[in-house]
Amino acid sequence: APPNTLEFVLNDGGPHYRWDKAGGGNNFSITGAGVWLLFGGRLDKALPPPAAPTGLACASSTRSSVSLSWPSTGSSVRSYRVFRGGQLMKTLAGGVTQFTESGLAANRQYYYAVAAVSAQ
């Protein structure tokens, strides 16, 4: 192994304690510091989370509905989660940067937040 490389195998922790290796029967290998994800026999370096959406704006509103919009935060976004008062209201596909909610009570304040979710 090259210098600064960590090689390892994993134990599944099950009753038969099988040892899992990378594809082709090789040991898993990490070449550098960071956070790594192991899923489905693949080892990938964790990407930093996407930036939080900024510029959340009320595009339009009526007595009982509101339409929100925000600029895209980049291609690494798999989805956006829209929250009202801290409660998840809807998960939208990564390319969708607008949300409309109806059935709201008139003369009441509502607080919204949007979070970007990466593919990892």
N, C-alpha and C. Protein backbone atom coordinates (compact mmCIF):
# COMPACT_ATOMS: atom_id res chain seq x y z
N ALA A 1 0.84 -1.19 0.00
CA ALA A 1 0.00 0.00 0.00
C ALA A 1 0.88 1.25 0.00
N PRO A 2 0.43 2.30 -0.69
CA PRO A 2 1.19 3.55 -0.68
C PRO A 2 1.24 4.13 0.73
N PRO A 3 2.21 5.02 1.00
CA PRO A 3 2.26 5.64 2.33
C PRO A 3 0.97 6.40 2.62
N ASN A 4 0.64 6.53 3.89
CA ASN A 4 -0.57 7.23 4.33
C ASN A 4 -1.84 6.57 3.82
N THR A 5 -1.81 5.27 3.67
CA THR A 5 -2.98 4.52 3.24
C THR A 5 -3.35 3.53 4.33
N LEU A 6 -4.63 3.46 4.61
CA LEU A 6 -5.14 2.51 5.59
C LEU A 6 -5.88 1.42 4.84
N GLU A 7 -5.47 0.16 5.07
CA GLU A 7 -6.18 -0.98 4.50
C GLU A 7 -6.89 -1.70 5.61
N PHE A 8 -8.11 -2.21 5.31
CA PHE A 8 -8.88 -2.90 6.34
C PHE A 8 -9.95 -3.78 5.72
N VAL A 9 -10.47 -4.68 6.52
CA VAL A 9 -11.66 -5.47 6.19
C VAL A 9 -12.65 -5.23 7.31
N LEU A 10 -13.90 -5.54 7.06
CA LEU A 10 -14.96 -5.29 8.04
C LEU A 10 -15.62 -6.58 8.47
N ASN A 11 -16.03 -6.61 9.70
CA ASN A 11 -16.79 -7.73 10.24
C ASN A 11 -18.24 -7.29 10.31
N ASP A 12 -19.16 -8.13 9.83
CA ASP A 12 -20.56 -7.72 9.80
C ASP A 12 -21.22 -7.74 11.19
N GLY A 13 -20.53 -8.25 12.20
CA GLY A 13 -21.07 -8.24 13.55
C GLY A 13 -22.19 -9.24 13.77
N GLY A 14 -22.49 -10.03 12.76
CA GLY A 14 -23.59 -10.99 12.87
C GLY A 14 -23.17 -12.26 13.61
N PRO A 15 -24.08 -13.19 13.70
CA PRO A 15 -23.80 -14.40 14.46
C PRO A 15 -22.68 -15.26 13.85
N HIS A 16 -22.43 -15.11 12.57
CA HIS A 16 -21.39 -15.92 11.93
C HIS A 16 -20.12 -15.13 11.69
N TYR A 17 -20.11 -13.85 12.02
CA TYR A 17 -18.93 -12.99 11.91
C TYR A 17 -18.23 -13.14 10.57
N ARG A 18 -18.98 -12.85 9.52
CA ARG A 18 -18.40 -12.87 8.18
C ARG A 18 -17.51 -11.64 8.00
N TRP A 19 -16.46 -11.82 7.28
CA TRP A 19 -15.56 -10.70 6.96
C TRP A 19 -15.88 -10.22 5.57
N ASP A 20 -16.12 -8.92 5.46
CA ASP A 20 -16.48 -8.32 4.18
C ASP A 20 -15.26 -7.60 3.60
N LYS A 21 -15.05 -7.81 2.32
CA LYS A 21 -13.93 -7.18 1.62
C LYS A 21 -14.47 -6.34 0.47
N ALA A 22 -13.59 -5.56 -0.09
CA ALA A 22 -13.94 -4.74 -1.26
C ALA A 22 -14.11 -5.66 -2.47
N GLY A 23 -14.58 -5.07 -3.56
CA GLY A 23 -14.76 -5.83 -4.79
C GLY A 23 -13.50 -6.56 -5.21
N GLY A 24 -13.65 -7.74 -5.78
CA GLY A 24 -12.51 -8.53 -6.22
C GLY A 24 -11.76 -9.21 -5.09
N GLY A 25 -12.33 -9.18 -3.87
CA GLY A 25 -11.69 -9.83 -2.73
C GLY A 25 -10.55 -9.03 -2.13
N ASN A 26 -10.39 -7.79 -2.55
CA ASN A 26 -9.32 -6.93 -2.01
C ASN A 26 -9.74 -6.33 -0.67
N ASN A 27 -8.75 -5.87 0.07
CA ASN A 27 -9.04 -5.12 1.28
C ASN A 27 -9.57 -3.75 0.89
N PHE A 28 -10.39 -3.16 1.76
CA PHE A 28 -10.78 -1.77 1.57
C PHE A 28 -9.55 -0.92 1.79
N SER A 29 -9.48 0.23 1.13
CA SER A 29 -8.31 1.08 1.23
C SER A 29 -8.75 2.54 1.26
N ILE A 30 -8.23 3.30 2.23
CA ILE A 30 -8.50 4.73 2.35
C ILE A 30 -7.19 5.47 2.16
N THR A 31 -7.20 6.46 1.28
CA THR A 31 -5.98 7.22 1.01
C THR A 31 -6.17 8.68 1.39
N GLY A 32 -6.25 8.96 2.65
CA GLY A 32 -6.35 10.34 3.10
C GLY A 32 -7.33 10.50 4.23
N ALA A 33 -7.17 11.61 4.91
CA ALA A 33 -8.05 11.91 6.04
C ALA A 33 -9.43 12.28 5.55
N GLY A 34 -10.39 12.16 6.42
CA GLY A 34 -11.75 12.57 6.08
C GLY A 34 -12.76 11.60 6.63
N VAL A 35 -13.98 11.84 6.27
CA VAL A 35 -15.09 10.98 6.65
C VAL A 35 -15.42 10.12 5.43
N TRP A 36 -15.55 8.83 5.67
CA TRP A 36 -15.79 7.88 4.58
C TRP A 36 -17.09 7.14 4.82
N LEU A 37 -17.79 6.82 3.73
CA LEU A 37 -19.04 6.08 3.80
C LEU A 37 -18.86 4.72 3.15
N LEU A 38 -19.32 3.69 3.82
CA LEU A 38 -19.29 2.35 3.25
C LEU A 38 -20.73 1.91 3.10
N PHE A 39 -21.13 1.64 1.86
CA PHE A 39 -22.50 1.24 1.60
C PHE A 39 -22.52 0.35 0.37
N GLY A 40 -23.16 -0.79 0.48
CA GLY A 40 -23.28 -1.69 -0.65
C GLY A 40 -21.95 -2.15 -1.21
N GLY A 41 -20.95 -2.31 -0.36
CA GLY A 41 -19.65 -2.77 -0.82
C GLY A 41 -18.79 -1.70 -1.45
N ARG A 42 -19.27 -0.46 -1.45
CA ARG A 42 -18.50 0.66 -2.01
C ARG A 42 -18.04 1.57 -0.89
N LEU A 43 -16.85 2.11 -1.05
CA LEU A 43 -16.28 3.03 -0.08
C LEU A 43 -16.09 4.37 -0.78
N ASP A 44 -16.79 5.41 -0.31
CA ASP A 44 -16.71 6.74 -0.91
C ASP A 44 -16.40 7.77 0.15
N LYS A 45 -15.61 8.76 -0.23
CA LYS A 45 -15.34 9.87 0.69
C LYS A 45 -16.60 10.72 0.78
N ALA A 46 -16.99 11.05 1.99
CA ALA A 46 -18.19 11.86 2.20
C ALA A 46 -17.95 13.26 1.67
N LEU A 47 -18.92 13.74 0.94
CA LEU A 47 -18.84 15.10 0.42
C LEU A 47 -19.35 16.06 1.49
N PRO A 48 -18.88 17.30 1.47
CA PRO A 48 -19.44 18.26 2.41
C PRO A 48 -20.92 18.47 2.09
N PRO A 49 -21.71 18.78 3.08
CA PRO A 49 -23.14 18.98 2.80
C PRO A 49 -23.34 20.18 1.89
N PRO A 50 -24.43 20.18 1.12
CA PRO A 50 -24.69 21.35 0.27
C PRO A 50 -24.96 22.57 1.14
N ALA A 51 -24.70 23.71 0.58
CA ALA A 51 -24.96 24.96 1.30
C ALA A 51 -26.45 25.11 1.58
N ALA A 52 -26.76 25.71 2.69
CA ALA A 52 -28.15 25.99 3.01
C ALA A 52 -28.69 26.98 1.99
N PRO A 53 -29.91 26.77 1.53
CA PRO A 53 -30.49 27.73 0.59
C PRO A 53 -30.59 29.12 1.23
N THR A 54 -30.22 30.11 0.47
CA THR A 54 -30.37 31.49 0.93
C THR A 54 -31.33 32.19 -0.02
N GLY A 55 -31.84 33.29 0.39
CA GLY A 55 -32.74 34.03 -0.49
C GLY A 55 -34.14 33.46 -0.53
N LEU A 56 -34.55 32.75 0.52
CA LEU A 56 -35.93 32.26 0.58
C LEU A 56 -36.86 33.46 0.56
N ALA A 57 -37.80 33.47 -0.37
CA ALA A 57 -38.69 34.62 -0.54
C ALA A 57 -40.12 34.18 -0.75
N CYS A 58 -41.01 35.04 -0.37
CA CYS A 58 -42.43 34.83 -0.64
C CYS A 58 -42.69 35.34 -2.05
N ALA A 59 -42.96 34.42 -2.98
CA ALA A 59 -43.21 34.81 -4.36
C ALA A 59 -44.61 35.40 -4.52
N SER A 60 -45.57 34.86 -3.77
CA SER A 60 -46.93 35.38 -3.78
C SER A 60 -47.68 34.82 -2.57
N SER A 61 -48.78 35.48 -2.23
CA SER A 61 -49.60 34.99 -1.12
C SER A 61 -51.04 35.46 -1.29
N THR A 62 -51.94 34.70 -0.70
CA THR A 62 -53.35 35.08 -0.63
C THR A 62 -53.75 34.96 0.84
N ARG A 63 -55.04 35.10 1.13
CA ARG A 63 -55.49 34.98 2.52
C ARG A 63 -55.28 33.56 3.06
N SER A 64 -55.17 32.56 2.16
CA SER A 64 -55.08 31.18 2.64
C SER A 64 -53.93 30.37 2.03
N SER A 65 -53.03 31.04 1.29
CA SER A 65 -51.92 30.29 0.68
C SER A 65 -50.68 31.17 0.57
N VAL A 66 -49.55 30.49 0.41
CA VAL A 66 -48.29 31.17 0.21
C VAL A 66 -47.46 30.37 -0.79
N SER A 67 -46.75 31.08 -1.65
CA SER A 67 -45.82 30.45 -2.59
C SER A 67 -44.43 30.97 -2.27
N LEU A 68 -43.51 30.05 -2.01
CA LEU A 68 -42.14 30.38 -1.67
C LEU A 68 -41.21 30.00 -2.81
N SER A 69 -40.09 30.71 -2.93
CA SER A 69 -39.08 30.35 -3.92
C SER A 69 -37.71 30.68 -3.35
N TRP A 70 -36.68 30.04 -3.92
CA TRP A 70 -35.29 30.25 -3.50
C TRP A 70 -34.38 29.87 -4.65
N PRO A 71 -33.18 30.44 -4.70
CA PRO A 71 -32.23 30.07 -5.76
C PRO A 71 -31.67 28.66 -5.52
N SER A 72 -31.33 27.97 -6.57
CA SER A 72 -30.71 26.65 -6.47
C SER A 72 -29.38 26.76 -5.74
N THR A 73 -29.05 25.73 -4.95
CA THR A 73 -27.77 25.74 -4.23
C THR A 73 -26.72 24.86 -4.89
N GLY A 74 -27.00 24.33 -6.08
CA GLY A 74 -25.97 23.59 -6.80
C GLY A 74 -26.39 22.20 -7.23
N SER A 75 -25.52 21.59 -8.01
CA SER A 75 -25.82 20.29 -8.62
C SER A 75 -25.72 19.13 -7.64
N SER A 76 -25.11 19.32 -6.47
CA SER A 76 -24.98 18.22 -5.52
C SER A 76 -26.25 18.01 -4.70
N VAL A 77 -27.27 18.83 -4.93
CA VAL A 77 -28.51 18.74 -4.16
C VAL A 77 -29.41 17.67 -4.75
N ARG A 78 -29.76 16.67 -3.93
CA ARG A 78 -30.69 15.63 -4.37
C ARG A 78 -32.13 16.06 -4.12
N SER A 79 -32.34 16.80 -3.02
CA SER A 79 -33.70 17.23 -2.70
C SER A 79 -33.65 18.44 -1.77
N TYR A 80 -34.78 19.09 -1.66
CA TYR A 80 -34.96 20.17 -0.68
C TYR A 80 -36.07 19.74 0.28
N ARG A 81 -35.89 20.08 1.54
CA ARG A 81 -36.92 19.82 2.55
C ARG A 81 -37.46 21.17 3.02
N VAL A 82 -38.78 21.30 2.96
CA VAL A 82 -39.44 22.54 3.37
C VAL A 82 -40.08 22.30 4.74
N PHE A 83 -39.76 23.19 5.68
CA PHE A 83 -40.27 23.09 7.04
C PHE A 83 -41.15 24.30 7.34
N ARG A 84 -42.21 24.08 8.09
CA ARG A 84 -43.02 25.17 8.63
C ARG A 84 -43.07 25.00 10.13
N GLY A 85 -42.59 26.01 10.85
CA GLY A 85 -42.57 25.93 12.31
C GLY A 85 -41.76 24.75 12.82
N GLY A 86 -40.72 24.35 12.08
CA GLY A 86 -39.86 23.24 12.48
C GLY A 86 -40.37 21.87 12.06
N GLN A 87 -41.57 21.80 11.49
CA GLN A 87 -42.15 20.52 11.06
C GLN A 87 -41.97 20.35 9.55
N LEU A 88 -41.50 19.17 9.15
CA LEU A 88 -41.32 18.89 7.73
C LEU A 88 -42.67 18.91 7.02
N MET A 89 -42.78 19.75 6.01
CA MET A 89 -44.02 19.85 5.24
C MET A 89 -43.95 19.06 3.94
N LYS A 90 -42.78 19.11 3.28
CA LYS A 90 -42.66 18.43 1.99
C LYS A 90 -41.20 18.28 1.62
N THR A 91 -40.89 17.20 0.89
CA THR A 91 -39.58 16.99 0.28
C THR A 91 -39.74 17.14 -1.21
N LEU A 92 -38.93 18.00 -1.81
CA LEU A 92 -39.01 18.30 -3.24
C LEU A 92 -37.76 17.81 -3.95
N ALA A 93 -37.88 17.47 -5.21
CA ALA A 93 -36.72 17.07 -6.02
C ALA A 93 -35.71 18.21 -6.08
N GLY A 94 -34.44 17.88 -6.28
CA GLY A 94 -33.36 18.86 -6.26
C GLY A 94 -33.50 20.01 -7.23
N GLY A 95 -34.16 19.80 -8.35
CA GLY A 95 -34.32 20.88 -9.34
C GLY A 95 -35.49 21.80 -9.05
N VAL A 96 -36.31 21.46 -8.05
CA VAL A 96 -37.51 22.24 -7.74
C VAL A 96 -37.16 23.25 -6.65
N THR A 97 -37.32 24.52 -6.97
CA THR A 97 -36.96 25.58 -6.02
C THR A 97 -38.16 26.48 -5.71
N GLN A 98 -39.33 25.87 -5.65
CA GLN A 98 -40.52 26.61 -5.25
C GLN A 98 -41.49 25.68 -4.54
N PHE A 99 -42.29 26.25 -3.68
CA PHE A 99 -43.22 25.47 -2.87
C PHE A 99 -44.46 26.33 -2.61
N THR A 100 -45.63 25.72 -2.76
CA THR A 100 -46.88 26.41 -2.47
C THR A 100 -47.65 25.61 -1.45
N GLU A 101 -48.15 26.31 -0.45
CA GLU A 101 -48.99 25.68 0.57
C GLU A 101 -50.31 26.44 0.64
N SER A 102 -51.39 25.69 0.67
CA SER A 102 -52.71 26.31 0.77
C SER A 102 -53.41 25.79 2.02
N GLY A 103 -54.58 26.34 2.30
CA GLY A 103 -55.33 25.94 3.48
C GLY A 103 -54.83 26.60 4.76
N LEU A 104 -54.10 27.69 4.63
CA LEU A 104 -53.58 28.41 5.79
C LEU A 104 -54.66 29.33 6.36
N ALA A 105 -54.55 29.63 7.64
CA ALA A 105 -55.49 30.55 8.29
C ALA A 105 -55.06 31.99 8.01
N ALA A 106 -56.04 32.84 7.78
CA ALA A 106 -55.77 34.26 7.53
C ALA A 106 -55.30 34.95 8.81
N ASN A 107 -54.58 36.04 8.65
CA ASN A 107 -54.11 36.87 9.76
C ASN A 107 -53.30 36.09 10.79
N ARG A 108 -52.45 35.21 10.32
CA ARG A 108 -51.60 34.42 11.19
C ARG A 108 -50.19 34.39 10.61
N GLN A 109 -49.17 34.39 11.46
CA GLN A 109 -47.79 34.31 10.98
C GLN A 109 -47.37 32.85 10.86
N TYR A 110 -46.65 32.56 9.79
CA TYR A 110 -46.08 31.24 9.56
C TYR A 110 -44.59 31.42 9.31
N TYR A 111 -43.78 30.50 9.84
CA TYR A 111 -42.34 30.56 9.69
C TYR A 111 -41.87 29.36 8.88
N TYR A 112 -41.13 29.62 7.80
CA TYR A 112 -40.66 28.57 6.91
C TYR A 112 -39.14 28.52 6.87
N ALA A 113 -38.62 27.34 6.60
CA ALA A 113 -37.19 27.14 6.39
C ALA A 113 -37.03 26.07 5.31
N VAL A 114 -35.94 26.14 4.59
CA VAL A 114 -35.65 25.17 3.52
C VAL A 114 -34.25 24.62 3.76
N ALA A 115 -34.11 23.29 3.67
CA ALA A 115 -32.82 22.63 3.81
C ALA A 115 -32.50 21.87 2.52
N ALA A 116 -31.23 21.92 2.12
CA ALA A 116 -30.76 21.17 0.95
C ALA A 116 -30.21 19.82 1.43
N VAL A 117 -30.51 18.76 0.69
CA VAL A 117 -30.07 17.41 1.02
C VAL A 117 -29.20 16.89 -0.12
N SER A 118 -28.01 16.37 0.22
CA SER A 118 -27.11 15.86 -0.81
C SER A 118 -27.49 14.44 -1.22
N ALA A 119 -26.86 13.97 -2.27
CA ALA A 119 -27.11 12.61 -2.75
C ALA A 119 -26.58 11.58 -1.75
N GLN A 120 -25.62 11.94 -0.92
CA GLN A 120 -25.09 11.00 0.06
C GLN A 120 -25.97 10.96 1.27
